[in-house]
PDB file of N, CA and C in Angstrom:
ATOM      1  N   MET A   1       0.935  -1.243  -0.025  1.00  0.00           N
ATOM      2  CA  MET A   1       0.054   0.004  -0.007  1.00  0.00           C
ATOM      3  C   MET A   1       0.957   1.142   0.012  1.00  0.00           C
ATOM      4  N   ASP A   2       0.609   2.149  -0.964  1.00  0.00           N
ATOM      5  CA  ASP A   2       1.335   3.453  -0.822  1.00  0.00           C
ATOM      6  C   ASP A   2       0.710   4.393   0.108  1.00  0.00           C
ATOM      7  N   LEU A   3       1.513   4.734   1.126  1.00  0.00           N
ATOM      8  CA  LEU A   3       1.204   5.467   2.208  1.00  0.00           C
ATOM      9  C   LEU A   3       0.805   6.963   1.895  1.00  0.00           C
ATOM     10  N   ASN A   4       1.320   7.280   0.572  1.00  0.00           N
ATOM     11  CA  ASN A   4       0.930   8.702   0.209  1.00  0.00           C
ATOM     12  C   ASN A   4      -0.482   8.641  -0.179  1.00  0.00           C
ATOM     13  N   ASP A   5      -1.050   7.580  -0.458  1.00  0.00           N
ATOM     14  CA  ASP A   5      -2.591   7.474  -0.979  1.00  0.00           C
ATOM     15  C   ASP A   5      -3.375   7.562   0.283  1.00  0.00           C
ATOM     16  N   LEU A   6      -2.856   7.267   1.477  1.00  0.00           N
ATOM     17  CA  LEU A   6      -3.786   7.299   2.802  1.00  0.00           C
ATOM     18  C   LEU A   6      -3.733   8.761   3.261  1.00  0.00           C
ATOM     19  N   ASN A   7      -2.694   9.593   2.904  1.00  0.00           N
ATOM     20  CA  ASN A   7      -2.739  10.869   3.558  1.00  0.00           C
ATOM     21  C   ASN A   7      -3.997  11.748   3.443  1.00  0.00           C
ATOM     22  N   GLY A   8      -4.525  12.154   4.572  1.00  0.00           N
ATOM     23  CA  GLY A   8      -5.871  12.969   4.501  1.00  0.00           C
ATOM     24  C   GLY A   8      -7.094  12.085   4.479  1.00  0.00           C
ATOM     25  N   LYS A   9      -7.013  10.763   4.341  1.00  0.00           N
ATOM     26  CA  LYS A   9      -8.177   9.837   4.449  1.00  0.00           C
ATOM     27  C   LYS A   9      -8.606   9.652   5.691  1.00  0.00           C
ATOM     28  N   THR A  10      -9.912   9.324   5.912  1.00  0.00           N
ATOM     29  CA  THR A  10     -10.450   8.870   7.114  1.00  0.00           C
ATOM     30  C   THR A  10      -9.911   7.401   7.594  1.00  0.00           C
ATOM     31  N   LEU A  11      -9.615   7.256   8.785  1.00  0.00           N
ATOM     32  CA  LEU A  11      -9.080   6.119   9.314  1.00  0.00           C
ATOM     33  C   LEU A  11      -9.650   5.904  10.696  1.00  0.00           C
ATOM     34  N   THR A  12     -10.124   4.507  10.760  1.00  0.00           N
ATOM     35  CA  THR A  12     -10.647   4.091  12.087  1.00  0.00           C
ATOM     36  C   THR A  12      -9.789   2.942  12.676  1.00  0.00           C
ATOM     37  N   LEU A  13      -9.557   3.230  14.033  1.00  0.00           N
ATOM     38  CA  LEU A  13      -8.879   2.078  14.754  1.00  0.00           C
ATOM     39  C   LEU A  13      -9.924   1.276  15.369  1.00  0.00           C
ATOM     40  N   LEU A  14      -9.880   0.083  14.949  1.00  0.00           N
ATOM     41  CA  LEU A  14     -10.790  -1.117  15.540  1.00  0.00           C
ATOM     42  C   LEU A  14      -9.933  -1.715  16.605  1.00  0.00           C
ATOM     43  N   VAL A  15     -10.187  -1.449  17.846  1.00  0.00           N
ATOM     44  CA  VAL A  15      -9.478  -1.951  19.109  1.00  0.00           C
ATOM     45  C   VAL A  15     -10.202  -2.921  19.662  1.00  0.00           C
ATOM     46  N   ILE A  16      -9.414  -4.067  19.807  1.00  0.00           N
ATOM     47  CA  ILE A  16     -10.172  -5.272  20.370  1.00  0.00           C
ATOM     48  C   ILE A  16      -9.549  -5.777  21.751  1.00  0.00           C
ATOM     49  N   GLY A  17     -10.156  -6.069  22.866  1.00  0.00           N
ATOM     50  CA  GLY A  17      -9.463  -6.363  24.019  1.00  0.00           C
ATOM     51  C   GLY A  17     -10.403  -7.123  24.955  1.00  0.00           C
ATOM     52  N   GLU A  18     -10.164  -7.237  26.125  1.00  0.00           N
ATOM     53  CA  GLU A  18     -11.169  -7.916  27.016  1.00  0.00           C
ATOM     54  C   GLU A  18     -11.489  -6.788  28.247  1.00  0.00           C
ATOM     55  N   ASP A  19     -12.766  -7.141  28.647  1.00  0.00           N
ATOM     56  CA  ASP A  19     -13.183  -6.180  29.795  1.00  0.00           C
ATOM     57  C   ASP A  19     -12.801  -6.936  31.126  1.00  0.00           C
ATOM     58  N   GLU A  20     -12.950  -6.179  32.263  1.00  0.00           N
ATOM     59  CA  GLU A  20     -12.512  -6.575  33.566  1.00  0.00           C
ATOM     60  C   GLU A  20     -13.019  -8.176  33.887  1.00  0.00           C
ATOM     61  N   ASN A  21     -14.088  -8.485  33.166  1.00  0.00           N
ATOM     62  CA  ASN A  21     -14.503  -9.981  33.327  1.00  0.00           C
ATOM     63  C   ASN A  21     -14.106 -10.979  32.474  1.00  0.00           C
ATOM     64  N   GLY A  22     -13.028 -10.552  31.549  1.00  0.00           N
ATOM     65  CA  GLY A  22     -12.402 -11.440  30.636  1.00  0.00           C
ATOM     66  C   GLY A  22     -13.367 -11.683  29.351  1.00  0.00           C
ATOM     67  N   GLU A  23     -14.346 -10.888  29.158  1.00  0.00           N
ATOM     68  CA  GLU A  23     -15.249 -11.079  28.084  1.00  0.00           C
ATOM     69  C   GLU A  23     -14.768 -10.073  26.800  1.00  0.00           C
ATOM     70  N   ASP A  24     -14.891 -10.536  25.505  1.00  0.00           N
ATOM     71  CA  ASP A  24     -14.516  -9.523  24.547  1.00  0.00           C
ATOM     72  C   ASP A  24     -14.993  -8.245  24.642  1.00  0.00           C
ATOM     73  N   ASP A  25     -14.288  -7.303  24.268  1.00  0.00           N
ATOM     74  CA  ASP A  25     -14.708  -5.866  24.167  1.00  0.00           C
ATOM     75  C   ASP A  25     -14.006  -5.270  23.052  1.00  0.00           C
ATOM     76  N   TRP A  26     -14.772  -4.312  22.477  1.00  0.00           N
ATOM     77  CA  TRP A  26     -13.940  -3.521  21.355  1.00  0.00           C
ATOM     78  C   TRP A  26     -14.601  -2.027  21.352  1.00  0.00           C
ATOM     79  N   ALA A  27     -13.731  -1.310  20.587  1.00  0.00           N
ATOM     80  CA  ALA A  27     -14.093   0.120  20.535  1.00  0.00           C
ATOM     81  C   ALA A  27     -13.574   0.659  19.193  1.00  0.00           C
ATOM     82  N   VAL A  28     -14.173   1.658  18.684  1.00  0.00           N
ATOM     83  CA  VAL A  28     -13.739   2.305  17.292  1.00  0.00           C
ATOM     84  C   VAL A  28     -13.485   3.631  17.565  1.00  0.00           C
ATOM     85  N   PHE A  29     -12.328   3.957  16.900  1.00  0.00           N
ATOM     86  CA  PHE A  29     -12.014   5.457  17.087  1.00  0.00           C
ATOM     87  C   PHE A  29     -11.760   6.075  15.489  1.00  0.00           C
ATOM     88  N   ARG A  30     -12.413   6.978  15.159  1.00  0.00           N
ATOM     89  CA  ARG A  30     -12.333   7.653  13.725  1.00  0.00           C
ATOM     90  C   ARG A  30     -11.359   8.894  13.728  1.00  0.00           C
ATOM     91  N   GLY A  31     -10.476   8.820  12.809  1.00  0.00           N
ATOM     92  CA  GLY A  31      -9.620  10.032  12.829  1.00  0.00           C
ATOM     93  C   GLY A  31      -9.138  10.268  11.296  1.00  0.00           C
ATOM     94  N   THR A  32      -8.108  10.845  11.117  1.00  0.00           N
ATOM     95  CA  THR A  32      -7.478  11.085   9.786  1.00  0.00           C
ATOM     96  C   THR A  32      -6.136  10.452   9.772  1.00  0.00           C
ATOM     97  N   ALA A  33      -5.732   9.969   8.532  1.00  0.00           N
ATOM     98  CA  ALA A  33      -4.421   9.473   8.378  1.00  0.00           C
ATOM     99  C   ALA A  33      -3.513  10.695   7.992  1.00  0.00           C
ATOM    100  N   ARG A  34      -2.475  10.717   8.502  1.00  0.00           N
ATOM    101  CA  ARG A  34      -1.389  11.751   8.002  1.00  0.00           C
ATOM    102  C   ARG A  34      -0.115  11.170   7.723  1.00  0.00           C
ATOM    103  N   TRP A  35       0.390  11.199   6.566  1.00  0.00           N
ATOM    104  CA  TRP A  35       1.619  10.543   6.142  1.00  0.00           C
ATOM    105  C   TRP A  35       2.714  11.685   6.174  1.00  0.00           C
ATOM    106  N   ASP A  36       3.700  11.667   6.896  1.00  0.00           N
ATOM    107  CA  ASP A  36       4.713  12.914   6.813  1.00  0.00           C
ATOM    108  C   ASP A  36       5.969  12.410   6.060  1.00  0.00           C
ATOM    109  N   GLY A  37       5.906  11.440   5.264  1.00  0.00           N
ATOM    110  CA  GLY A  37       7.137  10.964   4.607  1.00  0.00           C
ATOM    111  C   GLY A  37       7.922   9.958   5.257  1.00  0.00           C
ATOM    112  N   THR A  38       7.637   9.751   6.649  1.00  0.00           N
ATOM    113  CA  THR A  38       8.495   8.886   7.422  1.00  0.00           C
ATOM    114  C   THR A  38       7.424   7.914   8.266  1.00  0.00           C
ATOM    115  N   ASP A  39       6.521   8.634   8.839  1.00  0.00           N
ATOM    116  CA  ASP A  39       5.545   7.933   9.615  1.00  0.00           C
ATOM    117  C   ASP A  39       4.251   8.093   9.305  1.00  0.00           C
ATOM    118  N   LEU A  40       3.316   7.202   9.414  1.00  0.00           N
ATOM    119  CA  LEU A  40       1.899   7.302   9.207  1.00  0.00           C
ATOM    120  C   LEU A  40       1.431   7.684  10.804  1.00  0.00           C
ATOM    121  N   HIS A  41       0.559   8.867  10.818  1.00  0.00           N
ATOM    122  CA  HIS A  41       0.002   9.184  12.037  1.00  0.00           C
ATOM    123  C   HIS A  41      -1.453   9.042  11.928  1.00  0.00           C
ATOM    124  N   PHE A  42      -1.969   8.838  13.214  1.00  0.00           N
ATOM    125  CA  PHE A  42      -3.516   8.796  13.520  1.00  0.00           C
ATOM    126  C   PHE A  42      -3.825  10.154  14.038  1.00  0.00           C
ATOM    127  N   VAL A  43      -4.733  11.008  13.718  1.00  0.00           N
ATOM    128  CA  VAL A  43      -4.943  12.168  14.045  1.00  0.00           C
ATOM    129  C   VAL A  43      -6.467  12.309  14.448  1.00  0.00           C
ATOM    130  N   ARG A  44      -6.756  12.757  15.628  1.00  0.00           N
ATOM    131  CA  ARG A  44      -8.128  12.832  16.157  1.00  0.00           C
ATOM    132  C   ARG A  44      -8.265  13.693  17.164  1.00  0.00           C
ATOM    133  N   ASN A  45      -9.111  14.782  17.117  1.00  0.00           N
ATOM    134  CA  ASN A  45      -9.473  15.631  18.264  1.00  0.00           C
ATOM    135  C   ASN A  45      -8.190  16.095  19.058  1.00  0.00           C
ATOM    136  N   GLY A  46      -7.157  16.433  18.532  1.00  0.00           N
ATOM    137  CA  GLY A  46      -5.954  16.962  19.259  1.00  0.00           C
ATOM    138  C   GLY A  46      -5.030  15.796  19.507  1.00  0.00           C
ATOM    139  N   VAL A  47      -5.451  14.402  19.198  1.00  0.00           N
ATOM    140  CA  VAL A  47      -4.515  13.401  19.422  1.00  0.00           C
ATOM    141  C   VAL A  47      -3.864  13.139  18.201  1.00  0.00           C
ATOM    142  N   ASP A  48      -2.562  12.861  18.235  1.00  0.00           N
ATOM    143  CA  ASP A  48      -1.768  12.747  17.026  1.00  0.00           C
ATOM    144  C   ASP A  48      -0.511  11.746  17.546  1.00  0.00           C
ATOM    145  N   PHE A  49      -0.607  10.443  16.970  1.00  0.00           N
ATOM    146  CA  PHE A  49       0.402   9.550  17.232  1.00  0.00           C
ATOM    147  C   PHE A  49       0.739   8.703  16.086  1.00  0.00           C
ATOM    148  N   ALA A  50       2.137   8.138  15.947  1.00  0.00           N
ATOM    149  CA  ALA A  50       2.489   7.446  14.900  1.00  0.00           C
ATOM    150  C   ALA A  50       1.926   6.127  15.039  1.00  0.00           C
ATOM    151  N   VAL A  51       1.391   5.570  13.839  1.00  0.00           N
ATOM    152  CA  VAL A  51       1.003   4.243  13.868  1.00  0.00           C
ATOM    153  C   VAL A  51       2.128   3.222  13.819  1.00  0.00           C
ATOM    154  N   PRO A  52       2.140   2.138  14.871  1.00  0.00           N
ATOM    155  CA  PRO A  52       3.287   1.439  14.767  1.00  0.00           C
ATOM    156  C   PRO A  52       3.561   0.797  13.283  1.00  0.00           C
ATOM    157  N   ALA A  53       4.797   0.591  13.013  1.00  0.00           N
ATOM    158  CA  ALA A  53       5.183   0.069  11.599  1.00  0.00           C
ATOM    159  C   ALA A  53       4.596  -1.274  11.355  1.00  0.00           C
ATOM    160  N   ASP A  54       4.412  -2.064  12.402  1.00  0.00           N
ATOM    161  CA  ASP A  54       4.022  -3.482  12.199  1.00  0.00           C
ATOM    162  C   ASP A  54       2.440  -3.589  12.078  1.00  0.00           C
ATOM    163  N   ALA A  55       1.713  -2.453  12.454  1.00  0.00           N
ATOM    164  CA  ALA A  55       0.396  -2.279  12.159  1.00  0.00           C
ATOM    165  C   ALA A  55      -0.046  -1.797  10.739  1.00  0.00           C
ATOM    166  N   ILE A  56       0.875  -1.165  10.001  1.00  0.00           N
ATOM    167  CA  ILE A  56       0.609  -0.660   8.851  1.00  0.00           C
ATOM    168  C   ILE A  56       0.223  -1.671   7.853  1.00  0.00           C
ATOM    169  N   GLU A  57       0.738  -2.847   7.786  1.00  0.00           N
ATOM    170  CA  GLU A  57       0.431  -3.902   6.888  1.00  0.00           C
ATOM    171  C   GLU A  57      -1.022  -4.388   7.062  1.00  0.00           C
ATOM    172  N   ARG A  58      -1.550  -4.151   8.346  1.00  0.00           N
ATOM    173  CA  ARG A  58      -2.904  -4.580   8.538  1.00  0.00           C
ATOM    174  C   ARG A  58      -4.053  -3.569   8.154  1.00  0.00           C
ATOM    175  N   ILE A  59      -3.734  -2.369   7.618  1.00  0.00           N
ATOM    176  CA  ILE A  59      -4.692  -1.436   6.988  1.00  0.00           C
ATOM    177  C   ILE A  59      -5.292  -2.005   5.971  1.00  0.00           C
ATOM    178  N   ARG A  60      -6.701  -1.830   6.045  1.00  0.00           N
ATOM    179  CA  ARG A  60      -7.480  -2.334   4.995  1.00  0.00           C
ATOM    180  C   ARG A  60      -8.521  -1.348   4.557  1.00  0.00           C
ATOM    181  N   PRO A  61      -9.046  -1.333   3.338  1.00  0.00           N
ATOM    182  CA  PRO A  61     -10.060  -0.350   2.953  1.00  0.00           C
ATOM    183  C   PRO A  61     -11.462  -0.851   3.622  1.00  0.00           C
ATOM    184  N   VAL A  62     -12.329  -0.043   3.886  1.00  0.00           N
ATOM    185  CA  VAL A  62     -13.526  -0.417   4.375  1.00  0.00           C
ATOM    186  C   VAL A  62     -14.526  -0.508   3.174  1.00  0.00           C
ATOM    187  N   PRO A  63     -15.088  -1.729   2.954  1.00  0.00           N
ATOM    188  CA  PRO A  63     -16.102  -1.994   1.895  1.00  0.00           C
ATOM    189  C   PRO A  63     -17.115  -0.872   1.740  1.00  0.00           C
ATOM    190  N   VAL A  64     -17.271  -0.378   0.711  1.00  0.00           N
ATOM    191  CA  VAL A  64     -18.104   0.790   0.463  1.00  0.00           C
ATOM    192  C   VAL A  64     -19.705   0.276   0.503  1.00  0.00           C
ATOM    193  N   ASP A  65     -20.065  -0.828   0.131  1.00  0.00           N
ATOM    194  CA  ASP A  65     -21.404  -1.387   0.133  1.00  0.00           C
ATOM    195  C   ASP A  65     -21.608  -2.430   1.232  1.00  0.00           C
ATOM    196  N   SER A  66     -21.210  -1.959   2.446  1.00  0.00           N
ATOM    197  CA  SER A  66     -21.308  -3.014   3.519  1.00  0.00           C
ATOM    198  C   SER A  66     -21.824  -2.416   4.721  1.00  0.00           C
ATOM    199  N   GLU A  67     -22.597  -3.275   5.531  1.00  0.00           N
ATOM    200  CA  GLU A  67     -23.015  -2.647   6.840  1.00  0.00           C
ATOM    201  C   GLU A  67     -21.943  -2.416   7.834  1.00  0.00           C
ATOM    202  N   VAL A  68     -20.854  -3.080   7.363  1.00  0.00           N
ATOM    203  CA  VAL A  68     -19.678  -2.994   8.388  1.00  0.00           C
ATOM    204  C   VAL A  68     -19.244  -1.510   8.312  1.00  0.00           C
ATOM    205  N   ARG A  69     -19.455  -0.881   7.163  1.00  0.00           N
ATOM    206  CA  ARG A  69     -18.940   0.475   7.081  1.00  0.00           C
ATOM    207  C   ARG A  69     -19.557   1.426   8.111  1.00  0.00           C
ATOM    208  N   SER A  70     -20.870   1.218   8.606  1.00  0.00           N
ATOM    209  CA  SER A  70     -21.309   1.987   9.663  1.00  0.00           C
ATOM    210  C   SER A  70     -20.714   1.668  11.124  1.00  0.00           C
ATOM    211  N   ILE A  71     -20.536   0.418  11.234  1.00  0.00           N
ATOM    212  CA  ILE A  71     -19.758   0.103  12.385  1.00  0.00           C
ATOM    213  C   ILE A  71     -18.182   0.804  12.615  1.00  0.00           C
ATOM    214  N   LEU A  72     -17.747   0.854  11.403  1.00  0.00           N
ATOM    215  CA  LEU A  72     -16.331   1.527  11.380  1.00  0.00           C
ATOM    216  C   LEU A  72     -16.510   3.089  11.173  1.00  0.00           C
ATOM    217  N   LEU A  73     -17.701   3.516  11.366  1.00  0.00           N
ATOM    218  CA  LEU A  73     -18.034   5.061  11.408  1.00  0.00           C
ATOM    219  C   LEU A  73     -17.676   5.840  10.111  1.00  0.00           C
ATOM    220  N   ASN A  74     -17.929   4.956   9.074  1.00  0.00           N
ATOM    221  CA  ASN A  74     -18.044   5.509   7.779  1.00  0.00           C
ATOM    222  C   ASN A  74     -16.663   5.956   7.207  1.00  0.00           C
ATOM    223  N   ALA A  75     -15.547   5.299   7.912  1.00  0.00           N
ATOM    224  CA  ALA A  75     -14.093   5.575   7.350  1.00  0.00           C
ATOM    225  C   ALA A  75     -13.900   5.079   6.099  1.00  0.00           C
ATOM    226  N   GLU A  76     -12.709   5.435   5.538  1.00  0.00           N
ATOM    227  CA  GLU A  76     -12.325   5.053   4.189  1.00  0.00           C
ATOM    228  C   GLU A  76     -11.463   3.674   4.417  1.00  0.00           C
ATOM    229  N   TYR A  77     -10.558   3.687   5.513  1.00  0.00           N
ATOM    230  CA  TYR A  77      -9.710   2.677   5.891  1.00  0.00           C
ATOM    231  C   TYR A  77      -9.904   2.439   7.407  1.00  0.00           C
ATOM    232  N   TYR A  78      -9.302   1.104   7.763  1.00  0.00           N
ATOM    233  CA  TYR A  78      -9.271   0.873   9.217  1.00  0.00           C
ATOM    234  C   TYR A  78      -8.220  -0.201   9.457  1.00  0.00           C
ATOM    235  N   ILE A  79      -7.812  -0.128  10.702  1.00  0.00           N
ATOM    236  CA  ILE A  79      -6.766  -0.898  11.255  1.00  0.00           C
ATOM    237  C   ILE A  79      -7.345  -1.844  12.503  1.00  0.00           C
ATOM    238  N   PRO A  80      -7.324  -3.089  12.385  1.00  0.00           N
ATOM    239  CA  PRO A  80      -7.652  -3.913  13.624  1.00  0.00           C
ATOM    240  C   PRO A  80      -6.416  -3.864  14.563  1.00  0.00           C
ATOM    241  N   LEU A  81      -6.616  -3.600  15.789  1.00  0.00           N
ATOM    242  CA  LEU A  81      -5.538  -3.597  16.872  1.00  0.00           C
ATOM    243  C   LEU A  81      -6.027  -4.280  18.040  1.00  0.00           C
ATOM    244  N   SER A  82      -5.307  -5.260  18.643  1.00  0.00           N
ATOM    245  CA  SER A  82      -5.565  -5.750  19.830  1.00  0.00           C
ATOM    246  C   SER A  82      -4.763  -5.215  21.090  1.00  0.00           C
ATOM    247  N   ILE A  83      -5.394  -5.075  22.274  1.00  0.00           N
ATOM    248  CA  ILE A  83      -4.554  -4.472  23.300  1.00  0.00           C
ATOM    249  C   ILE A  83      -4.961  -5.257  24.496  1.00  0.00           C
ATOM    250  N   GLY A  84      -4.218  -5.062  25.590  1.00  0.00           N
ATOM    251  CA  GLY A  84      -4.264  -5.705  26.807  1.00  0.00           C
ATOM    252  C   GLY A  84      -3.731  -4.805  28.036  1.00  0.00           C
ATOM    253  N   PRO A  85      -3.794  -5.149  29.157  1.00  0.00           N
ATOM    254  CA  PRO A  85      -3.240  -4.361  30.308  1.00  0.00           C
ATOM    255  C   PRO A  85      -1.707  -4.618  30.315  1.00  0.00           C
ATOM    256  N   LEU A  86      -1.164  -3.500  30.811  1.00  0.00           N
ATOM    257  CA  LEU A  86       0.380  -3.530  30.870  1.00  0.00           C
ATOM    258  C   LEU A  86       0.675  -4.637  32.019  1.00  0.00           C
ATOM    259  N   PRO A  87       1.785  -5.175  31.736  1.00  0.00           N
ATOM    260  CA  PRO A  87       2.289  -5.946  32.856  1.00  0.00           C
ATOM    261  C   PRO A  87       2.779  -5.104  34.130  1.00  0.00           C
ATOM    262  N   ASP A  88       2.817  -5.779  35.309  1.00  0.00           N
ATOM    263  CA  ASP A  88       3.287  -4.866  36.498  1.00  0.00           C
ATOM    264  C   ASP A  88       4.660  -4.241  36.349  1.00  0.00           C
ATOM    265  N   ASN A  89       5.500  -4.946  35.708  1.00  0.00           N
ATOM    266  CA  ASN A  89       6.894  -4.386  35.525  1.00  0.00           C
ATOM    267  C   ASN A  89       7.200  -3.934  34.291  1.00  0.00           C
ATOM    268  N   ALA A  90       6.133  -3.401  33.527  1.00  0.00           N
ATOM    269  CA  ALA A  90       6.271  -2.847  32.218  1.00  0.00           C
ATOM    270  C   ALA A  90       7.051  -1.476  32.127  1.00  0.00           C
ATOM    271  N   ASP A  91       7.878  -1.220  31.313  1.00  0.00           N
ATOM    272  CA  ASP A  91       8.580   0.034  30.968  1.00  0.00           C
ATOM    273  C   ASP A  91       7.723   0.819  29.969  1.00  0.00           C
ATOM    274  N   GLU A  92       7.014   1.798  30.721  1.00  0.00           N
ATOM    275  CA  GLU A  92       5.989   2.506  30.034  1.00  0.00           C
ATOM    276  C   GLU A  92       6.644   3.251  28.914  1.00  0.00           C
ATOM    277  N   SER A  93       7.872   3.517  28.887  1.00  0.00           N
ATOM    278  CA  SER A  93       8.450   4.237  27.766  1.00  0.00           C
ATOM    279  C   SER A  93       8.524   3.545  26.458  1.00  0.00           C
ATOM    280  N   GLU A  94       8.173   2.271  26.524  1.00  0.00           N
ATOM    281  CA  GLU A  94       8.176   1.283  25.420  1.00  0.00           C
ATOM    282  C   GLU A  94       6.955   1.161  24.571  1.00  0.00           C
ATOM    283  N   PHE A  95       5.887   1.984  25.291  1.00  0.00           N
ATOM    284  CA  PHE A  95       4.611   1.961  24.707  1.00  0.00           C
ATOM    285  C   PHE A  95       4.203   3.329  24.140  1.00  0.00           C
ATOM    286  N   ILE A  96       3.157   3.279  23.304  1.00  0.00           N
ATOM    287  CA  ILE A  96       2.780   4.523  22.696  1.00  0.00           C
ATOM    288  C   ILE A  96       1.584   5.144  23.510  1.00  0.00           C
ATOM    289  N   LYS A  97       1.735   6.344  23.902  1.00  0.00           N
ATOM    290  CA  LYS A  97       0.603   7.067  24.584  1.00  0.00           C
ATOM    291  C   LYS A  97      -0.187   7.695  23.594  1.00  0.00           C
ATOM    292  N   THR A  98      -1.448   7.114  23.502  1.00  0.00           N
ATOM    293  CA  THR A  98      -2.261   7.592  22.467  1.00  0.00           C
ATOM    294  C   THR A  98      -3.218   8.685  22.904  1.00  0.00           C
ATOM    295  N   GLY A  99      -3.563   8.851  24.175  1.00  0.00           N
ATOM    296  CA  GLY A  99      -4.523   9.909  24.573  1.00  0.00           C
ATOM    297  C   GLY A  99      -5.870   9.413  24.224  1.00  0.00           C
ATOM    298  N   LEU A 100      -6.153   8.237  23.867  1.00  0.00           N
ATOM    299  CA  LEU A 100      -7.629   7.901  23.360  1.00  0.00           C
ATOM    300  C   LEU A 100      -8.187   7.272  24.723  1.00  0.00           C
ATOM    301  N   LYS A 101      -9.359   7.526  25.035  1.00  0.00           N
ATOM    302  CA  LYS A 101     -10.133   7.103  26.215  1.00  0.00           C
ATOM    303  C   LYS A 101     -11.065   6.002  25.704  1.00  0.00           C
ATOM    304  N   TRP A 102     -11.053   4.908  26.344  1.00  0.00           N
ATOM    305  CA  TRP A 102     -11.972   3.647  26.073  1.00  0.00           C
ATOM    306  C   TRP A 102     -13.055   3.943  27.069  1.00  0.00           C
ATOM    307  N   GLN A 103     -14.373   4.071  26.633  1.00  0.00           N
ATOM    308  CA  GLN A 103     -15.380   4.322  27.603  1.00  0.00           C
ATOM    309  C   GLN A 103     -15.981   2.749  27.689  1.00  0.00           C
ATOM    310  N   THR A 104     -16.009   2.643  28.995  1.00  0.00           N
ATOM    311  CA  THR A 104     -16.581   1.312  29.466  1.00  0.00           C
ATOM    312  C   THR A 104     -18.148   1.486  29.692  1.00  0.00           C
ATOM    313  N   LYS A 105     -18.895   0.409  29.586  1.00  0.00           N
ATOM    314  CA  LYS A 105     -20.261   0.462  29.650  1.00  0.00           C
ATOM    315  C   LYS A 105     -20.795   0.796  31.135  1.00  0.00           C
TER     316      LYS A 105
END
């Protein structure tokens, strides 16, 4: 995928994890892709962070004529990401601070 083609396009993060009961949970965050020639950024409401290089290969176009499109907030592209809690001894400097807030039910 040519990252120049993503610049300025709508991009949704499909974030998948587990809730406090171990049940599957997910959230979607819609933003804009910004390619600076070196890194692909996810930009949303003042949040701007570089998408991890290993996630770029998972970027997919959202099918235009699909009910999935509304779930992915009518974005043009999406990235599925899985997350989990940080281990107790984790070095937080090794992780990306996204500023995104996952609202629980």
